[in-house]
Amino acid sequence: MIASPKPCNCNCEEFITKPIRYDCYEIIDDKLAYIQTERVDERIRLFCRDCGKELENAEFLIS
């Protein structure tokens, strides 16, 4: 059974991830051009959108 996340003490119910994907751009012929997307191999981390507190066991809460 997967536990449901509990809101932070600040009562915010929105959570954001630490960036795990980056889009890379390069200036080519004086224009900004998309090159590729890179991924960071890290565990998933969630943070309260209001106070920034990290939610414990985030990798088990995301389906």
C-alpha atoms as a PDB file:
ATOM      1  CA  MET A   1       0.000   0.000   0.000  1.00  0.00           C
ATOM      2  CA  ILE A   2       1.323   3.436  -0.953  1.00  0.00           C
ATOM      3  CA  ALA A   3       1.024   6.129   1.680  1.00  0.00           C
ATOM      4  CA  SER A   4      -0.591   9.376   0.637  1.00  0.00           C
ATOM      5  CA  PRO A   5       1.453  12.543   1.038  1.00  0.00           C
ATOM      6  CA  LYS A   6       0.676  14.724   4.016  1.00  0.00           C
ATOM      7  CA  PRO A   7       0.535  18.471   3.506  1.00  0.00           C
ATOM      8  CA  CYS A   8       3.286  20.550   5.045  1.00  0.00           C
ATOM      9  CA  ASN A   9       2.767  22.450   8.250  1.00  0.00           C
ATOM     10  CA  CYS A  10       2.113  25.464   6.021  1.00  0.00           C
ATOM     11  CA  ASN A  11      -0.976  23.598   4.640  1.00  0.00           C
ATOM     12  CA  CYS A  12       0.140  23.932   1.029  1.00  0.00           C
ATOM     13  CA  GLU A  13      -1.075  21.057  -1.139  1.00  0.00           C
ATOM     14  CA  GLU A  14       1.170  21.705  -4.162  1.00  0.00           C
ATOM     15  CA  PHE A  15       4.572  20.087  -4.588  1.00  0.00           C
ATOM     16  CA  ILE A  16       7.280  20.646  -7.178  1.00  0.00           C
ATOM     17  CA  THR A  17      10.148  18.425  -8.306  1.00  0.00           C
ATOM     18  CA  LYS A  18      13.819  19.171  -8.347  1.00  0.00           C
ATOM     19  CA  PRO A  19      14.711  19.559 -12.029  1.00  0.00           C
ATOM     20  CA  ILE A  20      15.696  16.198 -13.512  1.00  0.00           C
ATOM     21  CA  ARG A  21      15.612  17.298 -17.148  1.00  0.00           C
ATOM     22  CA  TYR A  22      17.385  20.115 -18.913  1.00  0.00           C
ATOM     23  CA  ASP A  23      16.824  21.424 -22.428  1.00  0.00           C
ATOM     24  CA  CYS A  24      20.079  22.561 -24.053  1.00  0.00           C
ATOM     25  CA  TYR A  25      20.202  25.443 -26.508  1.00  0.00           C
ATOM     26  CA  GLU A  26      23.037  26.929 -28.521  1.00  0.00           C
ATOM     27  CA  ILE A  27      23.429  30.108 -30.519  1.00  0.00           C
ATOM     28  CA  ILE A  28      23.810  29.155 -34.177  1.00  0.00           C
ATOM     29  CA  ASP A  29      23.858  31.828 -36.896  1.00  0.00           C
ATOM     30  CA  ASP A  30      22.805  34.459 -34.331  1.00  0.00           C
ATOM     31  CA  LYS A  31      19.683  32.445 -33.380  1.00  0.00           C
ATOM     32  CA  LEU A  32      18.949  30.376 -30.303  1.00  0.00           C
ATOM     33  CA  ALA A  33      18.519  26.758 -31.430  1.00  0.00           C
ATOM     34  CA  TYR A  34      17.362  23.721 -29.453  1.00  0.00           C
ATOM     35  CA  ILE A  35      20.103  21.068 -29.365  1.00  0.00           C
ATOM     36  CA  GLN A  36      18.978  18.239 -27.059  1.00  0.00           C
ATOM     37  CA  THR A  37      17.380  17.287 -23.766  1.00  0.00           C
ATOM     38  CA  GLU A  38      19.590  15.905 -21.011  1.00  0.00           C
ATOM     39  CA  ARG A  39      18.409  13.975 -17.980  1.00  0.00           C
ATOM     40  CA  VAL A  40      19.997  13.842 -14.559  1.00  0.00           C
ATOM     41  CA  ASP A  41      20.069  10.386 -12.994  1.00  0.00           C
ATOM     42  CA  GLU A  42      18.941  11.139  -9.469  1.00  0.00           C
ATOM     43  CA  ARG A  43      16.170   9.967  -7.250  1.00  0.00           C
ATOM     44  CA  ILE A  44      12.894  11.872  -7.456  1.00  0.00           C
ATOM     45  CA  ARG A  45      12.600  14.670  -4.939  1.00  0.00           C
ATOM     46  CA  LEU A  46       9.454  16.700  -4.176  1.00  0.00           C
ATOM     47  CA  PHE A  47       9.341  20.030  -2.384  1.00  0.00           C
ATOM     48  CA  CYS A  48       6.473  22.064  -0.955  1.00  0.00           C
ATOM     49  CA  ARG A  49       5.725  24.876  -3.388  1.00  0.00           C
ATOM     50  CA  ASP A  50       5.192  27.421  -0.583  1.00  0.00           C
ATOM     51  CA  CYS A  51       7.767  26.694   2.134  1.00  0.00           C
ATOM     52  CA  GLY A  52      10.265  24.501   0.245  1.00  0.00           C
ATOM     53  CA  LYS A  53      10.221  21.606   2.729  1.00  0.00           C
ATOM     54  CA  GLU A  54      11.183  18.283   1.105  1.00  0.00           C
ATOM     55  CA  LEU A  55       8.505  15.590   1.104  1.00  0.00           C
ATOM     56  CA  GLU A  56       9.825  12.297   2.480  1.00  0.00           C
ATOM     57  CA  ASN A  57       9.750   9.131   0.312  1.00  0.00           C
ATOM     58  CA  ALA A  58       8.677  11.019  -2.811  1.00  0.00           C
ATOM     59  CA  GLU A  59       9.825   8.259  -5.151  1.00  0.00           C
ATOM     60  CA  PHE A  60       7.205   5.946  -3.599  1.00  0.00           C
ATOM     61  CA  LEU A  61       4.402   8.525  -3.771  1.00  0.00           C
ATOM     62  CA  ILE A  62       4.611   9.254  -7.498  1.00  0.00           C
ATOM     63  CA  SER A  63       2.942   6.798  -9.835  1.00  0.00           C
END
